Amino acid sequence: AGTLRATVEGSRAEEKPYSYYGWDLGPGISIFWPRYTFLVGATFSVGARKYAEVDPVFGQRREDERARAELTVGNKKWRWRDNYVALVASVEETRSNIGFYSYRKSNISLVVE
């Protein structure tokens, strides 16, 4: 099955240079094999953030571009205290016009539903 996630976000900080608005768009796919009760999902999203005012340290208005890839693996037979368990791995990269704020992070998490 295909999925599509769209997000609009905003954050208001006491200090205006750290307030922002942004968006995120993420298509994905999930595949379920009933015979094995095995589920695999993948999403890839892109987005952007613009900050309200000039950064007081770097002297320019911050603008970020973001990309994220996520892979989910689960099995309906994987249980913990009668809850479904899945493994989620992701990689996220933020590229900012102010290099100090650019980064890449990886994450592995265990989801219990």
PDB file of N, CA and C in Angstrom:
ATOM      1  N   ALA A   1       0.838  -1.178   0.000  1.00  0.00           N
ATOM      2  CA  ALA A   1       0.000   0.000   0.000  1.00  0.00           C
ATOM      3  C   ALA A   1       0.878   1.234   0.000  1.00  0.00           C
ATOM      4  N   GLY A   2       0.451   2.232  -0.702  1.00  0.00           N
ATOM      5  CA  GLY A   2       1.174   3.502  -0.743  1.00  0.00           C
ATOM      6  C   GLY A   2       0.643   4.467   0.291  1.00  0.00           C
ATOM      7  N   THR A   3       1.501   5.340   0.769  1.00  0.00           N
ATOM      8  CA  THR A   3       1.106   6.355   1.741  1.00  0.00           C
ATOM      9  C   THR A   3       1.655   7.707   1.307  1.00  0.00           C
ATOM     10  N   LEU A   4       1.052   8.753   1.821  1.00  0.00           N
ATOM     11  CA  LEU A   4       1.554  10.106   1.578  1.00  0.00           C
ATOM     12  C   LEU A   4       1.277  10.938   2.817  1.00  0.00           C
ATOM     13  N   ARG A   5       2.313  11.496   3.388  1.00  0.00           N
ATOM     14  CA  ARG A   5       2.180  12.326   4.579  1.00  0.00           C
ATOM     15  C   ARG A   5       2.563  13.749   4.220  1.00  0.00           C
ATOM     16  N   ALA A   6       1.727  14.707   4.605  1.00  0.00           N
ATOM     17  CA  ALA A   6       2.022  16.122   4.396  1.00  0.00           C
ATOM     18  C   ALA A   6       1.877  16.825   5.736  1.00  0.00           C
ATOM     19  N   THR A   7       2.846  17.672   6.064  1.00  0.00           N
ATOM     20  CA  THR A   7       2.850  18.354   7.354  1.00  0.00           C
ATOM     21  C   THR A   7       3.172  19.830   7.153  1.00  0.00           C
ATOM     22  N   VAL A   8       2.473  20.666   7.898  1.00  0.00           N
ATOM     23  CA  VAL A   8       2.807  22.085   7.997  1.00  0.00           C
ATOM     24  C   VAL A   8       3.097  22.331   9.464  1.00  0.00           C
ATOM     25  N   GLU A   9       4.202  23.020   9.756  1.00  0.00           N
ATOM     26  CA  GLU A   9       4.586  23.214  11.144  1.00  0.00           C
ATOM     27  C   GLU A   9       4.939  24.668  11.423  1.00  0.00           C
ATOM     28  N   GLY A  10       4.846  25.025  12.668  1.00  0.00           N
ATOM     29  CA  GLY A  10       5.235  26.358  13.101  1.00  0.00           C
ATOM     30  C   GLY A  10       5.679  26.308  14.542  1.00  0.00           C
ATOM     31  N   SER A  11       6.609  27.162  14.905  1.00  0.00           N
ATOM     32  CA  SER A  11       7.101  27.221  16.270  1.00  0.00           C
ATOM     33  C   SER A  11       7.319  28.683  16.640  1.00  0.00           C
ATOM     34  N   ARG A  12       6.779  29.077  17.778  1.00  0.00           N
ATOM     35  CA  ARG A  12       6.970  30.447  18.261  1.00  0.00           C
ATOM     36  C   ARG A  12       7.856  30.402  19.496  1.00  0.00           C
ATOM     37  N   ALA A  13       8.972  31.051  19.393  1.00  0.00           N
ATOM     38  CA  ALA A  13       9.914  31.119  20.517  1.00  0.00           C
ATOM     39  C   ALA A  13       9.888  32.526  21.098  1.00  0.00           C
ATOM     40  N   GLU A  14      10.277  32.635  22.340  1.00  0.00           N
ATOM     41  CA  GLU A  14      10.355  33.956  22.989  1.00  0.00           C
ATOM     42  C   GLU A  14      11.297  34.869  22.202  1.00  0.00           C
ATOM     43  N   GLU A  15      12.409  34.299  21.735  1.00  0.00           N
ATOM     44  CA  GLU A  15      13.351  35.049  20.907  1.00  0.00           C
ATOM     45  C   GLU A  15      12.979  34.819  19.447  1.00  0.00           C
ATOM     46  N   LYS A  16      12.526  35.845  18.757  1.00  0.00           N
ATOM     47  CA  LYS A  16      12.001  35.738  17.386  1.00  0.00           C
ATOM     48  C   LYS A  16      12.940  35.043  16.387  1.00  0.00           C
ATOM     49  N   PRO A  17      14.260  35.208  16.468  1.00  0.00           N
ATOM     50  CA  PRO A  17      15.115  34.542  15.482  1.00  0.00           C
ATOM     51  C   PRO A  17      15.003  33.016  15.503  1.00  0.00           C
ATOM     52  N   TYR A  18      14.448  32.459  16.586  1.00  0.00           N
ATOM     53  CA  TYR A  18      14.342  31.008  16.702  1.00  0.00           C
ATOM     54  C   TYR A  18      12.930  30.499  16.438  1.00  0.00           C
ATOM     55  N   SER A  19      12.016  31.397  16.082  1.00  0.00           N
ATOM     56  CA  SER A  19      10.678  30.993  15.644  1.00  0.00           C
ATOM     57  C   SER A  19      10.774  30.611  14.171  1.00  0.00           C
ATOM     58  N   TYR A  20       9.961  29.646  13.748  1.00  0.00           N
ATOM     59  CA  TYR A  20      10.022  29.228  12.348  1.00  0.00           C
ATOM     60  C   TYR A  20       8.677  28.687  11.880  1.00  0.00           C
ATOM     61  N   TYR A  21       8.582  28.549  10.562  1.00  0.00           N
ATOM     62  CA  TYR A  21       7.477  27.819   9.940  1.00  0.00           C
ATOM     63  C   TYR A  21       8.096  26.904   8.894  1.00  0.00           C
ATOM     64  N   GLY A  22       7.391  25.828   8.569  1.00  0.00           N
ATOM     65  CA  GLY A  22       7.957  24.886   7.612  1.00  0.00           C
ATOM     66  C   GLY A  22       6.922  23.912   7.091  1.00  0.00           C
ATOM     67  N   TRP A  23       7.392  23.016   6.255  1.00  0.00           N
ATOM     68  CA  TRP A  23       6.538  21.995   5.657  1.00  0.00           C
ATOM     69  C   TRP A  23       7.348  20.718   5.473  1.00  0.00           C
ATOM     70  N   ASP A  24       6.628  19.628   5.246  1.00  0.00           N
ATOM     71  CA  ASP A  24       7.251  18.320   5.052  1.00  0.00           C
ATOM     72  C   ASP A  24       6.313  17.481   4.186  1.00  0.00           C
ATOM     73  N   LEU A  25       6.856  16.787   3.206  1.00  0.00           N
ATOM     74  CA  LEU A  25       6.074  15.922   2.331  1.00  0.00           C
ATOM     75  C   LEU A  25       6.776  14.574   2.232  1.00  0.00           C
ATOM     76  N   GLY A  26       6.038  13.489   2.521  1.00  0.00           N
ATOM     77  CA  GLY A  26       6.680  12.183   2.599  1.00  0.00           C
ATOM     78  C   GLY A  26       5.880  11.040   2.004  1.00  0.00           C
ATOM     79  N   PRO A  27       6.209  10.623   0.779  1.00  0.00           N
ATOM     80  CA  PRO A  27       5.581   9.422   0.226  1.00  0.00           C
ATOM     81  C   PRO A  27       6.212   8.163   0.820  1.00  0.00           C
ATOM     82  N   GLY A  28       5.446   7.091   0.856  1.00  0.00           N
ATOM     83  CA  GLY A  28       5.969   5.848   1.405  1.00  0.00           C
ATOM     84  C   GLY A  28       5.241   4.638   0.860  1.00  0.00           C
ATOM     85  N   ILE A  29       5.714   3.485   1.277  1.00  0.00           N
ATOM     86  CA  ILE A  29       5.122   2.229   0.845  1.00  0.00           C
ATOM     87  C   ILE A  29       5.204   1.229   2.002  1.00  0.00           C
ATOM     88  N   SER A  30       4.170   0.411   2.133  1.00  0.00           N
ATOM     89  CA  SER A  30       4.152  -0.662   3.128  1.00  0.00           C
ATOM     90  C   SER A  30       3.777  -1.961   2.434  1.00  0.00           C
ATOM     91  N   ILE A  31       4.502  -3.002   2.756  1.00  0.00           N
ATOM     92  CA  ILE A  31       4.223  -4.320   2.175  1.00  0.00           C
ATOM     93  C   ILE A  31       4.016  -5.307   3.314  1.00  0.00           C
ATOM     94  N   PHE A  32       2.916  -6.058   3.256  1.00  0.00           N
ATOM     95  CA  PHE A  32       2.573  -7.026   4.292  1.00  0.00           C
ATOM     96  C   PHE A  32       2.462  -8.406   3.667  1.00  0.00           C
ATOM     97  N   TRP A  33       3.142  -9.383   4.254  1.00  0.00           N
ATOM     98  CA  TRP A  33       3.064 -10.766   3.809  1.00  0.00           C
ATOM     99  C   TRP A  33       2.242 -11.533   4.843  1.00  0.00           C
ATOM    100  N   PRO A  34       0.950 -11.756   4.576  1.00  0.00           N
ATOM    101  CA  PRO A  34       0.063 -12.388   5.563  1.00  0.00           C
ATOM    102  C   PRO A  34       0.528 -13.773   6.013  1.00  0.00           C
ATOM    103  N   ARG A  35       1.072 -14.536   5.102  1.00  0.00           N
ATOM    104  CA  ARG A  35       1.498 -15.891   5.441  1.00  0.00           C
ATOM    105  C   ARG A  35       2.522 -15.892   6.575  1.00  0.00           C
ATOM    106  N   TYR A  36       3.396 -14.891   6.568  1.00  0.00           N
ATOM    107  CA  TYR A  36       4.462 -14.803   7.570  1.00  0.00           C
ATOM    108  C   TYR A  36       4.190 -13.712   8.617  1.00  0.00           C
ATOM    109  N   THR A  37       3.081 -13.001   8.477  1.00  0.00           N
ATOM    110  CA  THR A  37       2.715 -11.840   9.312  1.00  0.00           C
ATOM    111  C   THR A  37       3.865 -10.831   9.402  1.00  0.00           C
ATOM    112  N   PHE A  38       4.557 -10.635   8.292  1.00  0.00           N
ATOM    113  CA  PHE A  38       5.742  -9.795   8.218  1.00  0.00           C
ATOM    114  C   PHE A  38       5.388  -8.491   7.505  1.00  0.00           C
ATOM    115  N   LEU A  39       5.819  -7.365   8.056  1.00  0.00           N
ATOM    116  CA  LEU A  39       5.530  -6.054   7.492  1.00  0.00           C
ATOM    117  C   LEU A  39       6.822  -5.273   7.291  1.00  0.00           C
ATOM    118  N   VAL A  40       6.968  -4.675   6.103  1.00  0.00           N
ATOM    119  CA  VAL A  40       8.096  -3.799   5.807  1.00  0.00           C
ATOM    120  C   VAL A  40       7.529  -2.499   5.252  1.00  0.00           C
ATOM    121  N   GLY A  41       8.000  -1.388   5.793  1.00  0.00           N
ATOM    122  CA  GLY A  41       7.567  -0.082   5.324  1.00  0.00           C
ATOM    123  C   GLY A  41       8.758   0.813   5.080  1.00  0.00           C
ATOM    124  N   ALA A  42       8.625   1.696   4.111  1.00  0.00           N
ATOM    125  CA  ALA A  42       9.690   2.655   3.816  1.00  0.00           C
ATOM    126  C   ALA A  42       9.061   3.993   3.462  1.00  0.00           C
ATOM    127  N   THR A  43       9.637   5.059   3.980  1.00  0.00           N
ATOM    128  CA  THR A  43       9.198   6.407   3.628  1.00  0.00           C
ATOM    129  C   THR A  43      10.411   7.272   3.346  1.00  0.00           C
ATOM    130  N   PHE A  44      10.205   8.253   2.503  1.00  0.00           N
ATOM    131  CA  PHE A  44      11.233   9.255   2.222  1.00  0.00           C
ATOM    132  C   PHE A  44      10.543  10.606   2.220  1.00  0.00           C
ATOM    133  N   SER A  45      11.033  11.518   3.016  1.00  0.00           N
ATOM    134  CA  SER A  45      10.384  12.825   3.072  1.00  0.00           C
ATOM    135  C   SER A  45      11.387  13.949   2.852  1.00  0.00           C
ATOM    136  N   VAL A  46      10.876  15.048   2.329  1.00  0.00           N
ATOM    137  CA  VAL A  46      11.655  16.271   2.143  1.00  0.00           C
ATOM    138  C   VAL A  46      10.847  17.419   2.729  1.00  0.00           C
ATOM    139  N   GLY A  47      11.546  18.444   3.141  1.00  0.00           N
ATOM    140  CA  GLY A  47      10.860  19.587   3.713  1.00  0.00           C
ATOM    141  C   GLY A  47      11.783  20.771   3.860  1.00  0.00           C
ATOM    142  N   ALA A  48      11.229  21.844   4.402  1.00  0.00           N
ATOM    143  CA  ALA A  48      12.002  23.072   4.583  1.00  0.00           C
ATOM    144  C   ALA A  48      11.483  23.834   5.796  1.00  0.00           C
ATOM    145  N   ARG A  49      12.354  24.640   6.365  1.00  0.00           N
ATOM    146  CA  ARG A  49      12.000  25.545   7.462  1.00  0.00           C
ATOM    147  C   ARG A  49      12.595  26.917   7.170  1.00  0.00           C
ATOM    148  N   LYS A  50      11.826  27.951   7.475  1.00  0.00           N
ATOM    149  CA  LYS A  50      12.330  29.326   7.399  1.00  0.00           C
ATOM    150  C   LYS A  50      12.131  29.960   8.765  1.00  0.00           C
ATOM    151  N   TYR A  51      13.158  30.628   9.231  1.00  0.00           N
ATOM    152  CA  TYR A  51      13.119  31.245  10.540  1.00  0.00           C
ATOM    153  C   TYR A  51      12.675  32.693  10.430  1.00  0.00           C
ATOM    154  N   ALA A  52      12.084  33.204  11.521  1.00  0.00           N
ATOM    155  CA  ALA A  52      11.385  34.488  11.497  1.00  0.00           C
ATOM    156  C   ALA A  52      12.296  35.701  11.307  1.00  0.00           C
ATOM    157  N   GLU A  53      13.463  35.673  11.912  1.00  0.00           N
ATOM    158  CA  GLU A  53      14.339  36.843  11.861  1.00  0.00           C
ATOM    159  C   GLU A  53      15.794  36.431  11.715  1.00  0.00           C
ATOM    160  N   VAL A  54      16.633  37.403  11.553  1.00  0.00           N
ATOM    161  CA  VAL A  54      18.073  37.194  11.398  1.00  0.00           C
ATOM    162  C   VAL A  54      18.643  36.558  12.669  1.00  0.00           C
ATOM    163  N   ASP A  55      19.486  35.550  12.498  1.00  0.00           N
ATOM    164  CA  ASP A  55      20.150  34.897  13.624  1.00  0.00           C
ATOM    165  C   ASP A  55      21.106  35.903  14.275  1.00  0.00           C
ATOM    166  N   PRO A  56      21.011  36.108  15.582  1.00  0.00           N
ATOM    167  CA  PRO A  56      21.833  37.128  16.235  1.00  0.00           C
ATOM    168  C   PRO A  56      23.333  36.815  16.250  1.00  0.00           C
ATOM    169  N   VAL A  57      23.701  35.552  16.123  1.00  0.00           N
ATOM    170  CA  VAL A  57      25.114  35.181  16.142  1.00  0.00           C
ATOM    171  C   VAL A  57      25.723  35.234  14.744  1.00  0.00           C
ATOM    172  N   PHE A  58      24.982  34.742  13.736  1.00  0.00           N
ATOM    173  CA  PHE A  58      25.552  34.596  12.390  1.00  0.00           C
ATOM    174  C   PHE A  58      25.144  35.705  11.419  1.00  0.00           C
ATOM    175  N   GLY A  59      24.229  36.587  11.818  1.00  0.00           N
ATOM    176  CA  GLY A  59      23.903  37.764  11.017  1.00  0.00           C
ATOM    177  C   GLY A  59      23.116  37.518   9.744  1.00  0.00           C
ATOM    178  N   GLN A  60      22.461  36.378   9.624  1.00  0.00           N
ATOM    179  CA  GLN A  60      21.589  36.136   8.465  1.00  0.00           C
ATOM    180  C   GLN A  60      20.384  35.305   8.878  1.00  0.00           C
ATOM    181  N   ARG A  61      19.328  35.402   8.089  1.00  0.00           N
ATOM    182  CA  ARG A  61      18.104  34.657   8.376  1.00  0.00           C
ATOM    183  C   ARG A  61      18.314  33.196   7.995  1.00  0.00           C
ATOM    184  N   ARG A  62      18.030  32.315   8.913  1.00  0.00           N
ATOM    185  CA  ARG A  62      18.265  30.885   8.713  1.00  0.00           C
ATOM    186  C   ARG A  62      17.175  30.249   7.848  1.00  0.00           C
ATOM    187  N   GLU A  63      17.611  29.412   6.900  1.00  0.00           N
ATOM    188  CA  GLU A  63      16.716  28.614   6.067  1.00  0.00           C
ATOM    189  C   GLU A  63      17.298  27.214   5.963  1.00  0.00           C
ATOM    190  N   ASP A  64      16.481  26.207   6.292  1.00  0.00           N
ATOM    191  CA  ASP A  64      16.927  24.815   6.293  1.00  0.00           C
ATOM    192  C   ASP A  64      16.162  23.996   5.260  1.00  0.00           C
ATOM    193  N   GLU A  65      16.843  23.042   4.667  1.00  0.00           N
ATOM    194  CA  GLU A  65      16.217  22.010   3.834  1.00  0.00           C
ATOM    195  C   GLU A  65      16.447  20.694   4.546  1.00  0.00           C
ATOM    196  N   ARG A  66      15.410  19.871   4.599  1.00  0.00           N
ATOM    197  CA  ARG A  66      15.510  18.617   5.348  1.00  0.00           C
ATOM    198  C   ARG A  66      15.130  17.437   4.463  1.00  0.00           C
ATOM    199  N   ALA A  67      15.800  16.309   4.697  1.00  0.00           N
ATOM    200  CA  ALA A  67      15.471  15.050   4.018  1.00  0.00           C
ATOM    201  C   ALA A  67      15.564  13.929   5.050  1.00  0.00           C
ATOM    202  N   ARG A  68      14.651  12.966   4.939  1.00  0.00           N
ATOM    203  CA  ARG A  68      14.614  11.860   5.898  1.00  0.00           C
ATOM    204  C   ARG A  68      14.204  10.581   5.186  1.00  0.00           C
ATOM    205  N   ALA A  69      14.913   9.489   5.475  1.00  0.00           N
ATOM    206  CA  ALA A  69      14.556   8.158   4.981  1.00  0.00           C
ATOM    207  C   ALA A  69      14.333   7.264   6.196  1.00  0.00           C
ATOM    208  N   GLU A  70      13.270   6.460   6.127  1.00  0.00           N
ATOM    209  CA  GLU A  70      12.922   5.609   7.265  1.00  0.00           C
ATOM    210  C   GLU A  70      12.527   4.222   6.778  1.00  0.00           C
ATOM    211  N   LEU A  71      12.974   3.206   7.497  1.00  0.00           N
ATOM    212  CA  LEU A  71      12.639   1.819   7.196  1.00  0.00           C
ATOM    213  C   LEU A  71      12.074   1.179   8.460  1.00  0.00           C
ATOM    214  N   THR A  72      10.897   0.552   8.322  1.00  0.00           N
ATOM    215  CA  THR A  72      10.242  -0.110   9.443  1.00  0.00           C
ATOM    216  C   THR A  72      10.119  -1.599   9.135  1.00  0.00           C
ATOM    217  N   VAL A  73      10.469  -2.428  10.100  1.00  0.00           N
ATOM    218  CA  VAL A  73      10.353  -3.881   9.958  1.00  0.00           C
ATOM    219  C   VAL A  73       9.601  -4.400  11.178  1.00  0.00           C
ATOM    220  N   GLY A  74       8.549  -5.162  10.912  1.00  0.00           N
ATOM    221  CA  GLY A  74       7.770  -5.705  12.026  1.00  0.00           C
ATOM    222  C   GLY A  74       7.161  -7.044  11.670  1.00  0.00           C
ATOM    223  N   ASN A  75       6.688  -7.720  12.672  1.00  0.00           N
ATOM    224  CA  ASN A  75       6.013  -8.992  12.487  1.00  0.00           C
ATOM    225  C   ASN A  75       4.915  -9.064  13.543  1.00  0.00           C
ATOM    226  N   LYS A  76       3.706  -9.373  13.128  1.00  0.00           N
ATOM    227  CA  LYS A  76       2.572  -9.406  14.054  1.00  0.00           C
ATOM    228  C   LYS A  76       2.772 -10.435  15.169  1.00  0.00           C
ATOM    229  N   LYS A  77       3.692 -11.355  14.976  1.00  0.00           N
ATOM    230  CA  LYS A  77       3.986 -12.345  16.015  1.00  0.00           C
ATOM    231  C   LYS A  77       4.996 -11.825  17.034  1.00  0.00           C
ATOM    232  N   TRP A  78       5.663 -10.717  16.731  1.00  0.00           N
ATOM    233  CA  TRP A  78       6.596 -10.129  17.675  1.00  0.00           C
ATOM    234  C   TRP A  78       5.786  -9.399  18.736  1.00  0.00           C
ATOM    235  N   ARG A  79       5.804  -9.895  19.932  1.00  0.00           N
ATOM    236  CA  ARG A  79       4.991  -9.331  21.011  1.00  0.00           C
ATOM    237  C   ARG A  79       5.831  -9.108  22.258  1.00  0.00           C
ATOM    238  N   TRP A  80       5.455  -8.090  23.001  1.00  0.00           N
ATOM    239  CA  TRP A  80       6.016  -7.834  24.302  1.00  0.00           C
ATOM    240  C   TRP A  80       4.873  -7.344  25.177  1.00  0.00           C
ATOM    241  N   ARG A  81       4.532  -8.140  26.174  1.00  0.00           N
ATOM    242  CA  ARG A  81       3.408  -7.830  27.069  1.00  0.00           C
ATOM    243  C   ARG A  81       2.128  -7.568  26.271  1.00  0.00           C
ATOM    244  N   ASP A  82       1.900  -8.419  25.297  1.00  0.00           N
ATOM    245  CA  ASP A  82       0.714  -8.366  24.438  1.00  0.00           C
ATOM    246  C   ASP A  82       0.646  -7.112  23.550  1.00  0.00           C
ATOM    247  N   ASN A  83       1.793  -6.500  23.278  1.00  0.00           N
ATOM    248  CA  ASN A  83       1.873  -5.349  22.384  1.00  0.00           C
ATOM    249  C   ASN A  83       2.710  -5.699  21.166  1.00  0.00           C
ATOM    250  N   TYR A  84       2.352  -5.140  20.025  1.00  0.00           N
ATOM    251  CA  TYR A  84       3.092  -5.318  18.771  1.00  0.00           C
ATOM    252  C   TYR A  84       4.412  -4.559  18.849  1.00  0.00           C
ATOM    253  N   VAL A  85       5.482  -5.165  18.347  1.00  0.00           N
ATOM    254  CA  VAL A  85       6.814  -4.566  18.375  1.00  0.00           C
ATOM    255  C   VAL A  85       7.352  -4.447  16.950  1.00  0.00           C
ATOM    256  N   ALA A  86       7.971  -3.313  16.634  1.00  0.00           N
ATOM    257  CA  ALA A  86       8.587  -3.101  15.330  1.00  0.00           C
ATOM    258  C   ALA A  86       9.936  -2.406  15.511  1.00  0.00           C
ATOM    259  N   LEU A  87      10.827  -2.612  14.561  1.00  0.00           N
ATOM    260  CA  LEU A  87      12.139  -1.984  14.549  1.00  0.00           C
ATOM    261  C   LEU A  87      12.117  -0.888  13.484  1.00  0.00           C
ATOM    262  N   VAL A  88      12.563   0.312  13.850  1.00  0.00           N
ATOM    263  CA  VAL A  88      12.554   1.447  12.925  1.00  0.00           C
ATOM    264  C   VAL A  88      13.960   2.024  12.837  1.00  0.00           C
ATOM    265  N   ALA A  89      14.452   2.175  11.611  1.00  0.00           N
ATOM    266  CA  ALA A  89      15.763   2.796  11.372  1.00  0.00           C
ATOM    267  C   ALA A  89      15.552   4.017  10.481  1.00  0.00           C
ATOM    268  N   SER A  90      16.245   5.106  10.798  1.00  0.00           N
ATOM    269  CA  SER A  90      16.085   6.311   9.986  1.00  0.00           C
ATOM    270  C   SER A  90      17.400   7.061   9.850  1.00  0.00           C
ATOM    271  N   VAL A  91      17.478   7.830   8.782  1.00  0.00           N
ATOM    272  CA  VAL A  91      18.595   8.735   8.537  1.00  0.00           C
ATOM    273  C   VAL A  91      17.977  10.074   8.160  1.00  0.00           C
ATOM    274  N   GLU A  92      18.431  11.133   8.805  1.00  0.00           N
ATOM    275  CA  GLU A  92      17.908  12.475   8.546  1.00  0.00           C
ATOM    276  C   GLU A  92      19.064  13.428   8.286  1.00  0.00           C
ATOM    277  N   GLU A  93      18.888  14.296   7.308  1.00  0.00           N
ATOM    278  CA  GLU A  93      19.910  15.296   7.010  1.00  0.00           C
ATOM    279  C   GLU A  93      19.254  16.664   6.922  1.00  0.00           C
ATOM    280  N   THR A  94      19.854  17.632   7.594  1.00  0.00           N
ATOM    281  CA  THR A  94      19.403  19.012   7.522  1.00  0.00           C
ATOM    282  C   THR A  94      20.538  19.833   6.936  1.00  0.00           C
ATOM    283  N   ARG A  95      20.233  20.535   5.847  1.00  0.00           N
ATOM    284  CA  ARG A  95      21.203  21.429   5.215  1.00  0.00           C
ATOM    285  C   ARG A  95      20.710  22.858   5.428  1.00  0.00           C
ATOM    286  N   SER A  96      21.528  23.654   6.083  1.00  0.00           N
ATOM    287  CA  SER A  96      21.155  25.023   6.403  1.00  0.00           C
ATOM    288  C   SER A  96      22.030  25.995   5.632  1.00  0.00           C
ATOM    289  N   ASN A  97      21.488  27.182   5.364  1.00  0.00           N
ATOM    290  CA  ASN A  97      22.314  28.215   4.740  1.00  0.00           C
ATOM    291  C   ASN A  97      23.366  28.737   5.720  1.00  0.00           C
ATOM    292  N   ILE A  98      23.193  28.406   7.004  1.00  0.00           N
ATOM    293  CA  ILE A  98      24.207  28.691   8.032  1.00  0.00           C
ATOM    294  C   ILE A  98      24.819  27.340   8.398  1.00  0.00           C
ATOM    295  N   GLY A  99      26.020  27.105   7.945  1.00  0.00           N
ATOM    296  CA  GLY A  99      26.661  25.797   8.078  1.00  0.00           C
ATOM    297  C   GLY A  99      26.656  25.206   9.480  1.00  0.00           C
ATOM    298  N   PHE A 100      26.708  26.040  10.496  1.00  0.00           N
ATOM    299  CA  PHE A 100      26.718  25.579  11.880  1.00  0.00           C
ATOM    300  C   PHE A 100      25.504  24.711  12.194  1.00  0.00           C
ATOM    301  N   TYR A 101      24.376  24.977  11.539  1.00  0.00           N
ATOM    302  CA  TYR A 101      23.129  24.265  11.817  1.00  0.00           C
ATOM    303  C   TYR A 101      22.907  23.046  10.910  1.00  0.00           C
ATOM    304  N   SER A 102      23.819  22.753  10.022  1.00  0.00           N
ATOM    305  CA  SER A 102      23.697  21.577   9.154  1.00  0.00           C
ATOM    306  C   SER A 102      24.146  20.336   9.919  1.00  0.00           C
ATOM    307  N   TYR A 103      23.421  19.242   9.745  1.00  0.00           N
ATOM    308  CA  TYR A 103      23.792  18.006  10.434  1.00  0.00           C
ATOM    309  C   TYR A 103      23.166  16.797   9.754  1.00  0.00           C
ATOM    310  N   ARG A 104      23.664  15.647  10.135  1.00  0.00           N
ATOM    311  CA  ARG A 104      23.122  14.365   9.694  1.00  0.00           C
ATOM    312  C   ARG A 104      23.028  13.478  10.923  1.00  0.00           C
ATOM    313  N   LYS A 105      21.886  12.803  11.085  1.00  0.00           N
ATOM    314  CA  LYS A 105      21.750  11.907  12.227  1.00  0.00           C
ATOM    315  C   LYS A 105      21.099  10.606  11.806  1.00  0.00           C
ATOM    316  N   SER A 106      21.475   9.554  12.503  1.00  0.00           N
ATOM    317  CA  SER A 106      20.917   8.222  12.286  1.00  0.00           C
ATOM    318  C   SER A 106      20.260   7.776  13.580  1.00  0.00           C
ATOM    319  N   ASN A 107      19.201   6.989  13.442  1.00  0.00           N
ATOM    320  CA  ASN A 107      18.478   6.564  14.623  1.00  0.00           C
ATOM    321  C   ASN A 107      17.943   5.140  14.414  1.00  0.00           C
ATOM    322  N   ILE A 108      18.037   4.323  15.437  1.00  0.00           N
ATOM    323  CA  ILE A 108      17.409   2.998  15.447  1.00  0.00           C
ATOM    324  C   ILE A 108      16.552   2.955  16.701  1.00  0.00           C
ATOM    325  N   SER A 109      15.289   2.597  16.518  1.00  0.00           N
ATOM    326  CA  SER A 109      14.400   2.570  17.676  1.00  0.00           C
ATOM    327  C   SER A 109      13.487   1.336  17.643  1.00  0.00           C
ATOM    328  N   LEU A 110      13.028   0.994  18.798  1.00  0.00           N
ATOM    329  CA  LEU A 110      12.101  -0.101  18.955  1.00  0.00           C
ATOM    330  C   LEU A 110      10.740   0.504  19.303  1.00  0.00           C
ATOM    331  N   VAL A 111       9.726   0.213  18.490  1.00  0.00           N
ATOM    332  CA  VAL A 111       8.393   0.770  18.690  1.00  0.00           C
ATOM    333  C   VAL A 111       7.504  -0.302  19.295  1.00  0.00           C
ATOM    334  N   VAL A 112       6.802   0.058  20.349  1.00  0.00           N
ATOM    335  CA  VAL A 112       5.854  -0.850  20.993  1.00  0.00           C
ATOM    336  C   VAL A 112       4.473  -0.220  20.903  1.00  0.00           C
ATOM    337  N   GLU A 113       3.546  -0.930  20.261  1.00  0.00           N
ATOM    338  CA  GLU A 113       2.184  -0.396  20.093  1.00  0.00           C
ATOM    339  C   GLU A 113       1.184  -1.287  20.775  1.00  0.00           C
TER     340      GLU A 113
END
